[in-house]
Amino acid sequence: MSNLTITFTTTRIFAHDLVSELLNIGALSAEETKQKGEDVAEVVAVFGENVEAPDVIAALAESGITNIPYVVS
């Protein structure tokens, strides 16, 4: 198996908080990768090979972070 990579789309203001929370819940790495527009940013998080996307989304929801568009790759 390979690592799980999830790309989130969020506001630039919230991107830093999202990176911090992703690292807190176990991401191997998380960073703001590019700004798509004036107020929009992408955050890419990499998790270990035994982690599944629904578990990541559930952990974020437990922290109060919900309704963030994401793509799994």
PDB file of N, CA and C in Angstrom:
ATOM      1  N   MET A   1       0.842  -1.189   0.000  1.00  0.00           N
ATOM      2  CA  MET A   1       0.000   0.000   0.000  1.00  0.00           C
ATOM      3  C   MET A   1       0.884   1.247   0.000  1.00  0.00           C
ATOM      4  N   SER A   2       0.306   2.335  -0.416  1.00  0.00           N
ATOM      5  CA  SER A   2       1.048   3.595  -0.417  1.00  0.00           C
ATOM      6  C   SER A   2       0.380   4.583   0.531  1.00  0.00           C
ATOM      7  N   ASN A   3       1.064   5.663   0.769  1.00  0.00           N
ATOM      8  CA  ASN A   3       0.526   6.696   1.653  1.00  0.00           C
ATOM      9  C   ASN A   3      -0.743   7.293   1.073  1.00  0.00           C
ATOM     10  N   LEU A   4      -1.574   7.806   1.945  1.00  0.00           N
ATOM     11  CA  LEU A   4      -2.813   8.485   1.565  1.00  0.00           C
ATOM     12  C   LEU A   4      -2.539   9.979   1.470  1.00  0.00           C
ATOM     13  N   THR A   5      -2.878  10.570   0.326  1.00  0.00           N
ATOM     14  CA  THR A   5      -2.728  12.013   0.141  1.00  0.00           C
ATOM     15  C   THR A   5      -4.107  12.621  -0.050  1.00  0.00           C
ATOM     16  N   ILE A   6      -4.406  13.644   0.728  1.00  0.00           N
ATOM     17  CA  ILE A   6      -5.690  14.343   0.626  1.00  0.00           C
ATOM     18  C   ILE A   6      -5.400  15.819   0.388  1.00  0.00           C
ATOM     19  N   THR A   7      -6.051  16.377  -0.627  1.00  0.00           N
ATOM     20  CA  THR A   7      -5.926  17.801  -0.926  1.00  0.00           C
ATOM     21  C   THR A   7      -7.229  18.490  -0.544  1.00  0.00           C
ATOM     22  N   PHE A   8      -7.138  19.442   0.349  1.00  0.00           N
ATOM     23  CA  PHE A   8      -8.285  20.202   0.819  1.00  0.00           C
ATOM     24  C   PHE A   8      -8.290  21.573   0.157  1.00  0.00           C
ATOM     25  N   THR A   9      -9.471  22.101  -0.117  1.00  0.00           N
ATOM     26  CA  THR A   9      -9.624  23.469  -0.614  1.00  0.00           C
ATOM     27  C   THR A   9     -10.303  24.275   0.484  1.00  0.00           C
ATOM     28  N   THR A  10      -9.684  25.369   0.868  1.00  0.00           N
ATOM     29  CA  THR A  10     -10.198  26.159   1.984  1.00  0.00           C
ATOM     30  C   THR A  10      -9.837  27.631   1.788  1.00  0.00           C
ATOM     31  N   THR A  11     -10.211  28.443   2.745  1.00  0.00           N
ATOM     32  CA  THR A  11      -9.841  29.857   2.680  1.00  0.00           C
ATOM     33  C   THR A  11      -8.389  30.013   3.115  1.00  0.00           C
ATOM     34  N   ARG A  12      -7.737  31.034   2.612  1.00  0.00           N
ATOM     35  CA  ARG A  12      -6.345  31.288   2.997  1.00  0.00           C
ATOM     36  C   ARG A  12      -6.231  31.517   4.495  1.00  0.00           C
ATOM     37  N   ILE A  13      -7.219  32.183   5.071  1.00  0.00           N
ATOM     38  CA  ILE A  13      -7.189  32.485   6.504  1.00  0.00           C
ATOM     39  C   ILE A  13      -7.224  31.197   7.328  1.00  0.00           C
ATOM     40  N   PHE A  14      -7.999  30.205   6.891  1.00  0.00           N
ATOM     41  CA  PHE A  14      -8.171  28.964   7.643  1.00  0.00           C
ATOM     42  C   PHE A  14      -7.082  27.931   7.345  1.00  0.00           C
ATOM     43  N   ALA A  15      -6.330  28.109   6.280  1.00  0.00           N
ATOM     44  CA  ALA A  15      -5.351  27.100   5.851  1.00  0.00           C
ATOM     45  C   ALA A  15      -4.347  26.765   6.954  1.00  0.00           C
ATOM     46  N   HIS A  16      -3.837  27.760   7.653  1.00  0.00           N
ATOM     47  CA  HIS A  16      -2.843  27.514   8.707  1.00  0.00           C
ATOM     48  C   HIS A  16      -3.434  26.659   9.827  1.00  0.00           C
ATOM     49  N   ASP A  17      -4.666  26.970  10.247  1.00  0.00           N
ATOM     50  CA  ASP A  17      -5.327  26.185  11.292  1.00  0.00           C
ATOM     51  C   ASP A  17      -5.565  24.752  10.831  1.00  0.00           C
ATOM     52  N   LEU A  18      -5.934  24.589   9.567  1.00  0.00           N
ATOM     53  CA  LEU A  18      -6.168  23.249   9.030  1.00  0.00           C
ATOM     54  C   LEU A  18      -4.871  22.447   9.023  1.00  0.00           C
ATOM     55  N   VAL A  19      -3.780  23.056   8.603  1.00  0.00           N
ATOM     56  CA  VAL A  19      -2.477  22.374   8.616  1.00  0.00           C
ATOM     57  C   VAL A  19      -2.152  21.912  10.035  1.00  0.00           C
ATOM     58  N   SER A  20      -2.326  22.773  11.005  1.00  0.00           N
ATOM     59  CA  SER A  20      -2.038  22.424  12.403  1.00  0.00           C
ATOM     60  C   SER A  20      -2.883  21.249  12.868  1.00  0.00           C
ATOM     61  N   GLU A  21      -4.163  21.281  12.552  1.00  0.00           N
ATOM     62  CA  GLU A  21      -5.052  20.203  12.992  1.00  0.00           C
ATOM     63  C   GLU A  21      -4.725  18.889  12.289  1.00  0.00           C
ATOM     64  N   LEU A  22      -4.397  18.945  11.007  1.00  0.00           N
ATOM     65  CA  LEU A  22      -4.028  17.721  10.286  1.00  0.00           C
ATOM     66  C   LEU A  22      -2.784  17.084  10.909  1.00  0.00           C
ATOM     67  N   LEU A  23      -1.822  17.895  11.290  1.00  0.00           N
ATOM     68  CA  LEU A  23      -0.629  17.367  11.957  1.00  0.00           C
ATOM     69  C   LEU A  23      -0.983  16.802  13.331  1.00  0.00           C
ATOM     70  N   ASN A  24      -1.906  17.454  14.030  1.00  0.00           N
ATOM     71  CA  ASN A  24      -2.335  16.975  15.349  1.00  0.00           C
ATOM     72  C   ASN A  24      -3.019  15.618  15.277  1.00  0.00           C
ATOM     73  N   ILE A  25      -3.742  15.353  14.185  1.00  0.00           N
ATOM     74  CA  ILE A  25      -4.463  14.077  14.094  1.00  0.00           C
ATOM     75  C   ILE A  25      -3.631  12.989  13.420  1.00  0.00           C
ATOM     76  N   GLY A  26      -2.372  13.276  13.124  1.00  0.00           N
ATOM     77  CA  GLY A  26      -1.493  12.212  12.662  1.00  0.00           C
ATOM     78  C   GLY A  26      -0.963  12.277  11.252  1.00  0.00           C
ATOM     79  N   ALA A  27      -1.135  13.393  10.572  1.00  0.00           N
ATOM     80  CA  ALA A  27      -0.577  13.507   9.223  1.00  0.00           C
ATOM     81  C   ALA A  27       0.947  13.429   9.295  1.00  0.00           C
ATOM     82  N   LEU A  28       1.542  12.732   8.335  1.00  0.00           N
ATOM     83  CA  LEU A  28       3.000  12.693   8.239  1.00  0.00           C
ATOM     84  C   LEU A  28       3.527  14.055   7.819  1.00  0.00           C
ATOM     85  N   SER A  29       2.745  14.733   6.962  1.00  0.00           N
ATOM     86  CA  SER A  29       3.068  16.101   6.554  1.00  0.00           C
ATOM     87  C   SER A  29       1.782  16.795   6.145  1.00  0.00           C
ATOM     88  N   ALA A  30       1.778  18.101   6.261  1.00  0.00           N
ATOM     89  CA  ALA A  30       0.638  18.915   5.829  1.00  0.00           C
ATOM     90  C   ALA A  30       1.167  20.305   5.534  1.00  0.00           C
ATOM     91  N   GLU A  31       0.790  20.824   4.376  1.00  0.00           N
ATOM     92  CA  GLU A  31       1.262  22.157   4.018  1.00  0.00           C
ATOM     93  C   GLU A  31       0.307  22.830   3.043  1.00  0.00           C
ATOM     94  N   GLU A  32       0.305  24.141   3.107  1.00  0.00           N
ATOM     95  CA  GLU A  32      -0.432  24.937   2.129  1.00  0.00           C
ATOM     96  C   GLU A  32       0.422  24.937   0.868  1.00  0.00           C
ATOM     97  N   THR A  33      -0.141  24.451  -0.239  1.00  0.00           N
ATOM     98  CA  THR A  33       0.684  24.247  -1.427  1.00  0.00           C
ATOM     99  C   THR A  33       0.564  25.344  -2.460  1.00  0.00           C
ATOM    100  N   LYS A  34      -0.619  25.882  -2.643  1.00  0.00           N
ATOM    101  CA  LYS A  34      -0.747  26.980  -3.598  1.00  0.00           C
ATOM    102  C   LYS A  34      -2.031  27.736  -3.332  1.00  0.00           C
ATOM    103  N   GLN A  35      -2.029  28.962  -3.745  1.00  0.00           N
ATOM    104  CA  GLN A  35      -3.211  29.792  -3.598  1.00  0.00           C
ATOM    105  C   GLN A  35      -3.920  29.821  -4.935  1.00  0.00           C
ATOM    106  N   LYS A  36      -5.182  29.408  -4.922  1.00  0.00           N
ATOM    107  CA  LYS A  36      -5.941  29.319  -6.163  1.00  0.00           C
ATOM    108  C   LYS A  36      -6.569  30.643  -6.559  1.00  0.00           C
ATOM    109  N   GLY A  37      -6.702  31.507  -5.630  1.00  0.00           N
ATOM    110  CA  GLY A  37      -7.315  32.805  -5.887  1.00  0.00           C
ATOM    111  C   GLY A  37      -7.012  33.714  -4.723  1.00  0.00           C
ATOM    112  N   GLU A  38      -7.646  34.840  -4.705  1.00  0.00           N
ATOM    113  CA  GLU A  38      -7.365  35.817  -3.663  1.00  0.00           C
ATOM    114  C   GLU A  38      -7.615  35.277  -2.261  1.00  0.00           C
ATOM    115  N   ASP A  39      -8.699  34.518  -2.074  1.00  0.00           N
ATOM    116  CA  ASP A  39      -9.049  34.030  -0.743  1.00  0.00           C
ATOM    117  C   ASP A  39      -9.083  32.511  -0.639  1.00  0.00           C
ATOM    118  N   VAL A  40      -8.592  31.795  -1.650  1.00  0.00           N
ATOM    119  CA  VAL A  40      -8.688  30.336  -1.667  1.00  0.00           C
ATOM    120  C   VAL A  40      -7.295  29.714  -1.654  1.00  0.00           C
ATOM    121  N   ALA A  41      -7.145  28.654  -0.860  1.00  0.00           N
ATOM    122  CA  ALA A  41      -5.860  27.956  -0.778  1.00  0.00           C
ATOM    123  C   ALA A  41      -6.087  26.455  -0.826  1.00  0.00           C
ATOM    124  N   GLU A  42      -5.037  25.729  -1.186  1.00  0.00           N
ATOM    125  CA  GLU A  42      -5.053  24.275  -1.117  1.00  0.00           C
ATOM    126  C   GLU A  42      -4.111  23.833  -0.011  1.00  0.00           C
ATOM    127  N   VAL A  43      -4.547  22.827   0.727  1.00  0.00           N
ATOM    128  CA  VAL A  43      -3.715  22.226   1.762  1.00  0.00           C
ATOM    129  C   VAL A  43      -3.584  20.749   1.417  1.00  0.00           C
ATOM    130  N   VAL A  44      -2.355  20.278   1.296  1.00  0.00           N
ATOM    131  CA  VAL A  44      -2.099  18.874   0.983  1.00  0.00           C
ATOM    132  C   VAL A  44      -1.579  18.190   2.235  1.00  0.00           C
ATOM    133  N   ALA A  45      -2.230  17.079   2.589  1.00  0.00           N
ATOM    134  CA  ALA A  45      -1.824  16.301   3.755  1.00  0.00           C
ATOM    135  C   ALA A  45      -1.490  14.879   3.319  1.00  0.00           C
ATOM    136  N   VAL A  46      -0.432  14.341   3.888  1.00  0.00           N
ATOM    137  CA  VAL A  46      -0.024  12.970   3.605  1.00  0.00           C
ATOM    138  C   VAL A  46      -0.119  12.176   4.903  1.00  0.00           C
ATOM    139  N   PHE A  47      -0.796  11.031   4.807  1.00  0.00           N
ATOM    140  CA  PHE A  47      -0.974  10.139   5.949  1.00  0.00           C
ATOM    141  C   PHE A  47      -0.322   8.801   5.637  1.00  0.00           C
ATOM    142  N   GLY A  48      -0.057   8.020   6.655  1.00  0.00           N
ATOM    143  CA  GLY A  48       0.553   6.703   6.482  1.00  0.00           C
ATOM    144  C   GLY A  48      -0.334   5.761   5.696  1.00  0.00           C
ATOM    145  N   GLU A  49       0.240   4.641   5.314  1.00  0.00           N
ATOM    146  CA  GLU A  49      -0.456   3.709   4.432  1.00  0.00           C
ATOM    147  C   GLU A  49      -1.638   3.004   5.080  1.00  0.00           C
ATOM    148  N   ASN A  50      -1.725   2.990   6.391  1.00  0.00           N
ATOM    149  CA  ASN A  50      -2.835   2.315   7.062  1.00  0.00           C
ATOM    150  C   ASN A  50      -3.997   3.243   7.389  1.00  0.00           C
ATOM    151  N   VAL A  51      -3.930   4.479   6.948  1.00  0.00           N
ATOM    152  CA  VAL A  51      -4.971   5.469   7.231  1.00  0.00           C
ATOM    153  C   VAL A  51      -5.925   5.549   6.042  1.00  0.00           C
ATOM    154  N   GLU A  52      -7.225   5.660   6.339  1.00  0.00           N
ATOM    155  CA  GLU A  52      -8.235   5.789   5.291  1.00  0.00           C
ATOM    156  C   GLU A  52      -8.887   7.165   5.372  1.00  0.00           C
ATOM    157  N   ALA A  53      -9.293   7.675   4.220  1.00  0.00           N
ATOM    158  CA  ALA A  53      -9.869   9.023   4.141  1.00  0.00           C
ATOM    159  C   ALA A  53     -11.052   9.229   5.088  1.00  0.00           C
ATOM    160  N   PRO A  54     -12.014   8.298   5.171  1.00  0.00           N
ATOM    161  CA  PRO A  54     -13.138   8.530   6.094  1.00  0.00           C
ATOM    162  C   PRO A  54     -12.693   8.720   7.543  1.00  0.00           C
ATOM    163  N   ASP A  55     -11.613   8.054   7.932  1.00  0.00           N
ATOM    164  CA  ASP A  55     -11.106   8.218   9.297  1.00  0.00           C
ATOM    165  C   ASP A  55     -10.546   9.621   9.514  1.00  0.00           C
ATOM    166  N   VAL A  56      -9.875  10.151   8.498  1.00  0.00           N
ATOM    167  CA  VAL A  56      -9.337  11.512   8.581  1.00  0.00           C
ATOM    168  C   VAL A  56     -10.475  12.516   8.692  1.00  0.00           C
ATOM    169  N   ILE A  57     -11.481  12.367   7.844  1.00  0.00           N
ATOM    170  CA  ILE A  57     -12.619  13.291   7.847  1.00  0.00           C
ATOM    171  C   ILE A  57     -13.358  13.211   9.180  1.00  0.00           C
ATOM    172  N   ALA A  58     -13.504  12.003   9.724  1.00  0.00           N
ATOM    173  CA  ALA A  58     -14.165  11.841  11.025  1.00  0.00           C
ATOM    174  C   ALA A  58     -13.357  12.511  12.136  1.00  0.00           C
ATOM    175  N   ALA A  59     -12.039  12.371  12.096  1.00  0.00           N
ATOM    176  CA  ALA A  59     -11.189  13.003  13.112  1.00  0.00           C
ATOM    177  C   ALA A  59     -11.280  14.523  13.032  1.00  0.00           C
ATOM    178  N   LEU A  60     -11.321  15.055  11.816  1.00  0.00           N
ATOM    179  CA  LEU A  60     -11.488  16.508  11.662  1.00  0.00           C
ATOM    180  C   LEU A  60     -12.844  16.947  12.214  1.00  0.00           C
ATOM    181  N   ALA A  61     -13.885  16.174  11.934  1.00  0.00           N
ATOM    182  CA  ALA A  61     -15.228  16.512  12.416  1.00  0.00           C
ATOM    183  C   ALA A  61     -15.272  16.523  13.942  1.00  0.00           C
ATOM    184  N   GLU A  62     -14.566  15.590  14.567  1.00  0.00           N
ATOM    185  CA  GLU A  62     -14.508  15.563  16.034  1.00  0.00           C
ATOM    186  C   GLU A  62     -13.854  16.825  16.586  1.00  0.00           C
ATOM    187  N   SER A  63     -13.015  17.438  15.784  1.00  0.00           N
ATOM    188  CA  SER A  63     -12.354  18.689  16.178  1.00  0.00           C
ATOM    189  C   SER A  63     -13.166  19.912  15.782  1.00  0.00           C
ATOM    190  N   GLY A  64     -14.344  19.685  15.187  1.00  0.00           N
ATOM    191  CA  GLY A  64     -15.205  20.792  14.792  1.00  0.00           C
ATOM    192  C   GLY A  64     -14.956  21.303  13.388  1.00  0.00           C
ATOM    193  N   ILE A  65     -14.147  20.594  12.616  1.00  0.00           N
ATOM    194  CA  ILE A  65     -13.841  21.012  11.246  1.00  0.00           C
ATOM    195  C   ILE A  65     -14.663  20.160  10.290  1.00  0.00           C
ATOM    196  N   THR A  66     -15.613  20.793   9.624  1.00  0.00           N
ATOM    197  CA  THR A  66     -16.507  20.068   8.717  1.00  0.00           C
ATOM    198  C   THR A  66     -16.706  20.847   7.423  1.00  0.00           C
ATOM    199  N   ASN A  67     -17.280  20.165   6.448  1.00  0.00           N
ATOM    200  CA  ASN A  67     -17.673  20.781   5.170  1.00  0.00           C
ATOM    201  C   ASN A  67     -16.518  21.437   4.423  1.00  0.00           C
ATOM    202  N   ILE A  68     -15.369  20.772   4.392  1.00  0.00           N
ATOM    203  CA  ILE A  68     -14.230  21.263   3.618  1.00  0.00           C
ATOM    204  C   ILE A  68     -14.085  20.363   2.396  1.00  0.00           C
ATOM    205  N   PRO A  69     -14.170  20.928   1.208  1.00  0.00           N
ATOM    206  CA  PRO A  69     -14.006  20.105   0.005  1.00  0.00           C
ATOM    207  C   PRO A  69     -12.614  19.465  -0.028  1.00  0.00           C
ATOM    208  N   TYR A  70     -12.567  18.204  -0.467  1.00  0.00           N
ATOM    209  CA  TYR A  70     -11.280  17.513  -0.539  1.00  0.00           C
ATOM    210  C   TYR A  70     -11.269  16.507  -1.680  1.00  0.00           C
ATOM    211  N   VAL A  71     -10.060  16.149  -2.096  1.00  0.00           N
ATOM    212  CA  VAL A  71      -9.848  15.145  -3.128  1.00  0.00           C
ATOM    213  C   VAL A  71      -8.803  14.175  -2.599  1.00  0.00           C
ATOM    214  N   VAL A  72      -9.083  12.885  -2.732  1.00  0.00           N
ATOM    215  CA  VAL A  72      -8.147  11.854  -2.296  1.00  0.00           C
ATOM    216  C   VAL A  72      -7.346  11.384  -3.497  1.00  0.00           C
ATOM    217  N   SER A  73      -6.042  11.273  -3.311  1.00  0.00           N
ATOM    218  CA  SER A  73      -5.211  10.753  -4.402  1.00  0.00           C
ATOM    219  C   SER A  73      -4.190   9.772  -3.867  1.00  0.00           C
TER     220      SER A  73
END
